[in-house]
Amino acid sequence: MTSDATTPEAYIAEIPDERKPYMHKLRDTILKNLPEGFREEMSYGMIGYVVPHELYPPGYHVNPQLPLPFLSIASQKNNLAIYHMGIYANPELHDWWVAEYKNRVPSRLDMGKSCIRFKKPEQIPYDLIGELCSKVSVEDWISTYENQIKNYRKK
C-alpha cells in the first residue's frame, strides 16, 4: 500500500484497525533503537528513516533531492513489511539477521533482498528488530552506501 499521508501518524491512521497496534509497536521499537542521526519521515509512501541532508548533503544518488534512505516500514496488502537497506548492502548484517531469526523465531523467514515480510503480525520479533536497528550508525550506513551501492553502480 502506498500512501499520500504526509506524517507517520496519518499513515498509521489509514491502515486497517487490526494492524494499527502492530504498526505502532514496530514504529516505537525502531524509534527506541535506531542510532542518533536518522530522521523519521514519509518516504516513498511509507514511514521511512533517512539520513537527512544536513548529515549527508549529496542525498540519494537516484534522486539527490531526497535524503539518503535507510529503513522503511509499510502495511502492504498481505503483510507488514520492513525494508532495511543495510541488510541489502551488508552481507555480514544479512547473515546475522538470517541466523538470529532462525534461532529465535519459530515461523519461517519471508524475505527478499531488503524486504522482510510479516504475514502474521502477532509473530513480529520486536526485540530482534530492535537489535537490527541498533547495529548500523549513520556513519556506518553512509560508508556502506558509498562503498557498496553508490560507487559500485558507477563502475
C-alpha atoms as a PDB file:
ATOM      1  CA  MET A   1       0.000   0.000   0.000  1.00  0.00           C
ATOM      2  CA  THR A   2       1.485   3.303  -0.988  1.00  0.00           C
ATOM      3  CA  SER A   3       0.091   6.296   0.751  1.00  0.00           C
ATOM      4  CA  ASP A   4      -0.270  10.021   0.247  1.00  0.00           C
ATOM      5  CA  ALA A   5      -0.073  10.561   4.014  1.00  0.00           C
ATOM      6  CA  THR A   6       2.300  13.359   4.976  1.00  0.00           C
ATOM      7  CA  THR A   7       3.095  12.148   8.502  1.00  0.00           C
ATOM      8  CA  PRO A   8       3.696   8.754  10.116  1.00  0.00           C
ATOM      9  CA  GLU A   9       0.662   9.337  12.332  1.00  0.00           C
ATOM     10  CA  ALA A  10      -1.544   9.951   9.282  1.00  0.00           C
ATOM     11  CA  TYR A  11      -0.139   6.834   7.622  1.00  0.00           C
ATOM     12  CA  ILE A  12      -0.975   4.651  10.612  1.00  0.00           C
ATOM     13  CA  ALA A  13      -4.438   6.219  10.874  1.00  0.00           C
ATOM     14  CA  GLU A  14      -5.319   4.995   7.380  1.00  0.00           C
ATOM     15  CA  ILE A  15      -4.237   1.351   7.738  1.00  0.00           C
ATOM     16  CA  PRO A  16      -6.717  -1.349   8.840  1.00  0.00           C
ATOM     17  CA  ASP A  17      -7.603  -1.175  12.532  1.00  0.00           C
ATOM     18  CA  GLU A  18      -6.384  -4.716  13.239  1.00  0.00           C
ATOM     19  CA  ARG A  19      -2.873  -3.750  12.094  1.00  0.00           C
ATOM     20  CA  LYS A  20      -2.567  -0.462  13.961  1.00  0.00           C
ATOM     21  CA  PRO A  21      -1.289  -1.879  17.285  1.00  0.00           C
ATOM     22  CA  TYR A  22       1.430  -3.831  15.474  1.00  0.00           C
ATOM     23  CA  MET A  23       2.474  -0.857  13.367  1.00  0.00           C
ATOM     24  CA  HIS A  24       2.580   1.387  16.462  1.00  0.00           C
ATOM     25  CA  LYS A  25       4.756  -1.144  18.279  1.00  0.00           C
ATOM     26  CA  LEU A  26       7.014  -1.595  15.244  1.00  0.00           C
ATOM     27  CA  ARG A  27       7.445   2.166  14.900  1.00  0.00           C
ATOM     28  CA  ASP A  28       8.139   2.552  18.633  1.00  0.00           C
ATOM     29  CA  THR A  29      10.697  -0.264  18.510  1.00  0.00           C
ATOM     30  CA  ILE A  30      12.528   1.388  15.626  1.00  0.00           C
ATOM     31  CA  LEU A  31      12.467   4.846  17.213  1.00  0.00           C
ATOM     32  CA  LYS A  32      13.828   3.483  20.517  1.00  0.00           C
ATOM     33  CA  ASN A  33      16.658   1.544  18.880  1.00  0.00           C
ATOM     34  CA  LEU A  34      17.736   3.456  15.795  1.00  0.00           C
ATOM     35  CA  PRO A  35      21.027   5.272  16.418  1.00  0.00           C
ATOM     36  CA  GLU A  36      21.094   9.042  16.669  1.00  0.00           C
ATOM     37  CA  GLY A  37      21.126  10.968  13.416  1.00  0.00           C
ATOM     38  CA  PHE A  38      18.483   9.103  11.443  1.00  0.00           C
ATOM     39  CA  ARG A  39      15.260  11.031  10.912  1.00  0.00           C
ATOM     40  CA  GLU A  40      11.739   9.691  10.602  1.00  0.00           C
ATOM     41  CA  GLU A  41       9.665  10.998   7.696  1.00  0.00           C
ATOM     42  CA  MET A  42       7.357   9.823   4.982  1.00  0.00           C
ATOM     43  CA  SER A  43       9.428   8.289   2.210  1.00  0.00           C
ATOM     44  CA  TYR A  44       8.148   6.593  -0.948  1.00  0.00           C
ATOM     45  CA  GLY A  45       4.650   6.382   0.518  1.00  0.00           C
ATOM     46  CA  MET A  46       5.873   4.567   3.640  1.00  0.00           C
ATOM     47  CA  ILE A  47       7.188   5.525   7.058  1.00  0.00           C
ATOM     48  CA  GLY A  48      10.874   5.994   6.407  1.00  0.00           C
ATOM     49  CA  TYR A  49      14.064   6.501   8.367  1.00  0.00           C
ATOM     50  CA  VAL A  50      16.639   8.500   6.459  1.00  0.00           C
ATOM     51  CA  VAL A  51      19.976  10.246   6.756  1.00  0.00           C
ATOM     52  CA  PRO A  52      18.982  13.926   6.389  1.00  0.00           C
ATOM     53  CA  HIS A  53      20.771  16.256   4.002  1.00  0.00           C
ATOM     54  CA  GLU A  54      22.298  18.081   6.986  1.00  0.00           C
ATOM     55  CA  LEU A  55      24.344  14.931   7.689  1.00  0.00           C
ATOM     56  CA  TYR A  56      24.757  13.715   4.115  1.00  0.00           C
ATOM     57  CA  PRO A  57      24.372  16.615   1.658  1.00  0.00           C
ATOM     58  CA  PRO A  58      24.669  14.526  -1.554  1.00  0.00           C
ATOM     59  CA  GLY A  59      21.394  12.759  -0.754  1.00  0.00           C
ATOM     60  CA  TYR A  60      20.250   9.639  -2.580  1.00  0.00           C
ATOM     61  CA  HIS A  61      22.075   9.058  -5.889  1.00  0.00           C
ATOM     62  CA  VAL A  62      18.840   8.082  -7.646  1.00  0.00           C
ATOM     63  CA  ASN A  63      17.354  11.471  -6.715  1.00  0.00           C
ATOM     64  CA  PRO A  64      19.748  13.816  -4.865  1.00  0.00           C
ATOM     65  CA  GLN A  65      16.782  15.984  -3.813  1.00  0.00           C
ATOM     66  CA  LEU A  66      15.822  13.154  -1.447  1.00  0.00           C
ATOM     67  CA  PRO A  67      17.668  12.306   1.755  1.00  0.00           C
ATOM     68  CA  LEU A  68      19.549   9.013   1.896  1.00  0.00           C
ATOM     69  CA  PRO A  69      17.023   6.251   2.705  1.00  0.00           C
ATOM     70  CA  PHE A  70      17.907   3.549   5.224  1.00  0.00           C
ATOM     71  CA  LEU A  71      14.817   1.789   6.522  1.00  0.00           C
ATOM     72  CA  SER A  72      11.074   1.901   5.875  1.00  0.00           C
ATOM     73  CA  ILE A  73       8.009   0.210   7.287  1.00  0.00           C
ATOM     74  CA  ALA A  74       4.745  -0.339   5.491  1.00  0.00           C
ATOM     75  CA  SER A  75       1.382  -2.001   5.658  1.00  0.00           C
ATOM     76  CA  GLN A  76       1.067  -3.943   2.414  1.00  0.00           C
ATOM     77  CA  LYS A  77      -1.919  -5.849   1.066  1.00  0.00           C
ATOM     78  CA  ASN A  78      -0.962  -9.160   2.700  1.00  0.00           C
ATOM     79  CA  ASN A  79       1.640  -8.233   5.313  1.00  0.00           C
ATOM     80  CA  LEU A  80       3.509  -5.684   7.346  1.00  0.00           C
ATOM     81  CA  ALA A  81       6.932  -5.089   5.849  1.00  0.00           C
ATOM     82  CA  ILE A  82      10.300  -3.703   6.837  1.00  0.00           C
ATOM     83  CA  TYR A  83      12.606  -2.506   4.080  1.00  0.00           C
ATOM     84  CA  HIS A  84      16.140  -2.438   5.501  1.00  0.00           C
ATOM     85  CA  MET A  85      18.757  -1.218   3.052  1.00  0.00           C
ATOM     86  CA  GLY A  86      21.568  -2.268   5.395  1.00  0.00           C
ATOM     87  CA  ILE A  87      20.592  -5.927   5.040  1.00  0.00           C
ATOM     88  CA  TYR A  88      20.680  -5.496   1.262  1.00  0.00           C
ATOM     89  CA  ALA A  89      24.101  -3.804   1.211  1.00  0.00           C
ATOM     90  CA  ASN A  90      25.955  -5.562   4.025  1.00  0.00           C
ATOM     91  CA  PRO A  91      26.352  -9.368   3.707  1.00  0.00           C
ATOM     92  CA  GLU A  92      27.532  -9.720   7.320  1.00  0.00           C
ATOM     93  CA  LEU A  93      24.429  -7.942   8.624  1.00  0.00           C
ATOM     94  CA  HIS A  94      22.241 -10.026   6.313  1.00  0.00           C
ATOM     95  CA  ASP A  95      23.800 -13.266   7.538  1.00  0.00           C
ATOM     96  CA  TRP A  96      23.474 -12.188  11.186  1.00  0.00           C
ATOM     97  CA  TRP A  97      19.778 -11.389  10.667  1.00  0.00           C
ATOM     98  CA  VAL A  98      19.003 -14.677   8.910  1.00  0.00           C
ATOM     99  CA  ALA A  99      20.798 -16.754  11.569  1.00  0.00           C
ATOM    100  CA  GLU A 100      19.287 -14.883  14.518  1.00  0.00           C
ATOM    101  CA  TYR A 101      15.810 -15.035  13.035  1.00  0.00           C
ATOM    102  CA  LYS A 102      16.123 -18.786  12.557  1.00  0.00           C
ATOM    103  CA  ASN A 103      17.411 -19.225  16.136  1.00  0.00           C
ATOM    104  CA  ARG A 104      14.784 -17.047  17.812  1.00  0.00           C
ATOM    105  CA  VAL A 105      11.600 -17.081  15.756  1.00  0.00           C
ATOM    106  CA  PRO A 106       9.504 -20.219  15.195  1.00  0.00           C
ATOM    107  CA  SER A 107       7.969 -19.019  11.921  1.00  0.00           C
ATOM    108  CA  ARG A 108       9.733 -19.172   8.561  1.00  0.00           C
ATOM    109  CA  LEU A 109      11.565 -16.036   7.445  1.00  0.00           C
ATOM    110  CA  ASP A 110       9.828 -14.368   4.478  1.00  0.00           C
ATOM    111  CA  MET A 111      12.439 -12.088   2.983  1.00  0.00           C
ATOM    112  CA  GLY A 112      13.559 -10.545  -0.297  1.00  0.00           C
ATOM    113  CA  LYS A 113      16.724  -8.513  -0.901  1.00  0.00           C
ATOM    114  CA  SER A 114      15.853  -5.779   1.595  1.00  0.00           C
ATOM    115  CA  CYS A 115      12.236  -6.600   2.414  1.00  0.00           C
ATOM    116  CA  ILE A 116      11.210  -8.578   5.484  1.00  0.00           C
ATOM    117  CA  ARG A 117       7.523  -9.535   5.388  1.00  0.00           C
ATOM    118  CA  PHE A 118       5.312 -10.453   8.327  1.00  0.00           C
ATOM    119  CA  LYS A 119       2.050 -12.084   7.230  1.00  0.00           C
ATOM    120  CA  LYS A 120       1.174 -12.801  10.860  1.00  0.00           C
ATOM    121  CA  PRO A 121       1.873  -9.549  12.707  1.00  0.00           C
ATOM    122  CA  GLU A 122       1.458 -11.248  16.075  1.00  0.00           C
ATOM    123  CA  GLN A 123       4.743 -13.070  15.278  1.00  0.00           C
ATOM    124  CA  ILE A 124       6.830  -9.933  14.704  1.00  0.00           C
ATOM    125  CA  PRO A 125      10.093 -10.318  16.709  1.00  0.00           C
ATOM    126  CA  TYR A 126      10.269  -6.779  18.094  1.00  0.00           C
ATOM    127  CA  ASP A 127      13.358  -7.436  20.239  1.00  0.00           C
ATOM    128  CA  LEU A 128      15.259  -8.808  17.262  1.00  0.00           C
ATOM    129  CA  ILE A 129      14.166  -5.874  15.101  1.00  0.00           C
ATOM    130  CA  GLY A 130      15.378  -3.528  17.834  1.00  0.00           C
ATOM    131  CA  GLU A 131      18.780  -5.209  17.747  1.00  0.00           C
ATOM    132  CA  LEU A 132      18.870  -4.970  13.955  1.00  0.00           C
ATOM    133  CA  CYS A 133      18.105  -1.242  14.115  1.00  0.00           C
ATOM    134  CA  SER A 134      20.841  -0.601  16.665  1.00  0.00           C
ATOM    135  CA  LYS A 135      23.582  -2.289  14.632  1.00  0.00           C
ATOM    136  CA  VAL A 136      24.105   0.423  11.997  1.00  0.00           C
ATOM    137  CA  SER A 137      25.042   4.004  12.840  1.00  0.00           C
ATOM    138  CA  VAL A 138      24.532   6.893  10.433  1.00  0.00           C
ATOM    139  CA  GLU A 139      28.279   6.906   9.765  1.00  0.00           C
ATOM    140  CA  ASP A 140      28.284   3.147   9.120  1.00  0.00           C
ATOM    141  CA  TRP A 141      25.349   3.467   6.734  1.00  0.00           C
ATOM    142  CA  ILE A 142      26.925   6.335   4.769  1.00  0.00           C
ATOM    143  CA  SER A 143      30.150   4.354   4.393  1.00  0.00           C
ATOM    144  CA  THR A 144      28.322   1.191   3.332  1.00  0.00           C
ATOM    145  CA  TYR A 145      26.128   3.133   0.934  1.00  0.00           C
ATOM    146  CA  GLU A 146      29.069   4.872  -0.706  1.00  0.00           C
ATOM    147  CA  ASN A 147      31.160   1.710  -0.998  1.00  0.00           C
ATOM    148  CA  GLN A 148      28.506  -0.892  -1.794  1.00  0.00           C
ATOM    149  CA  ILE A 149      25.762   0.976  -3.627  1.00  0.00           C
ATOM    150  CA  LYS A 150      26.579   4.465  -4.889  1.00  0.00           C
ATOM    151  CA  ASN A 151      30.145   3.953  -6.088  1.00  0.00           C
ATOM    152  CA  TYR A 152      29.507   0.355  -7.119  1.00  0.00           C
ATOM    153  CA  ARG A 153      26.830   1.485  -9.564  1.00  0.00           C
ATOM    154  CA  LYS A 154      29.273   3.928 -11.193  1.00  0.00           C
ATOM    155  CA  LYS A 155      31.630   1.093 -12.224  1.00  0.00           C
END
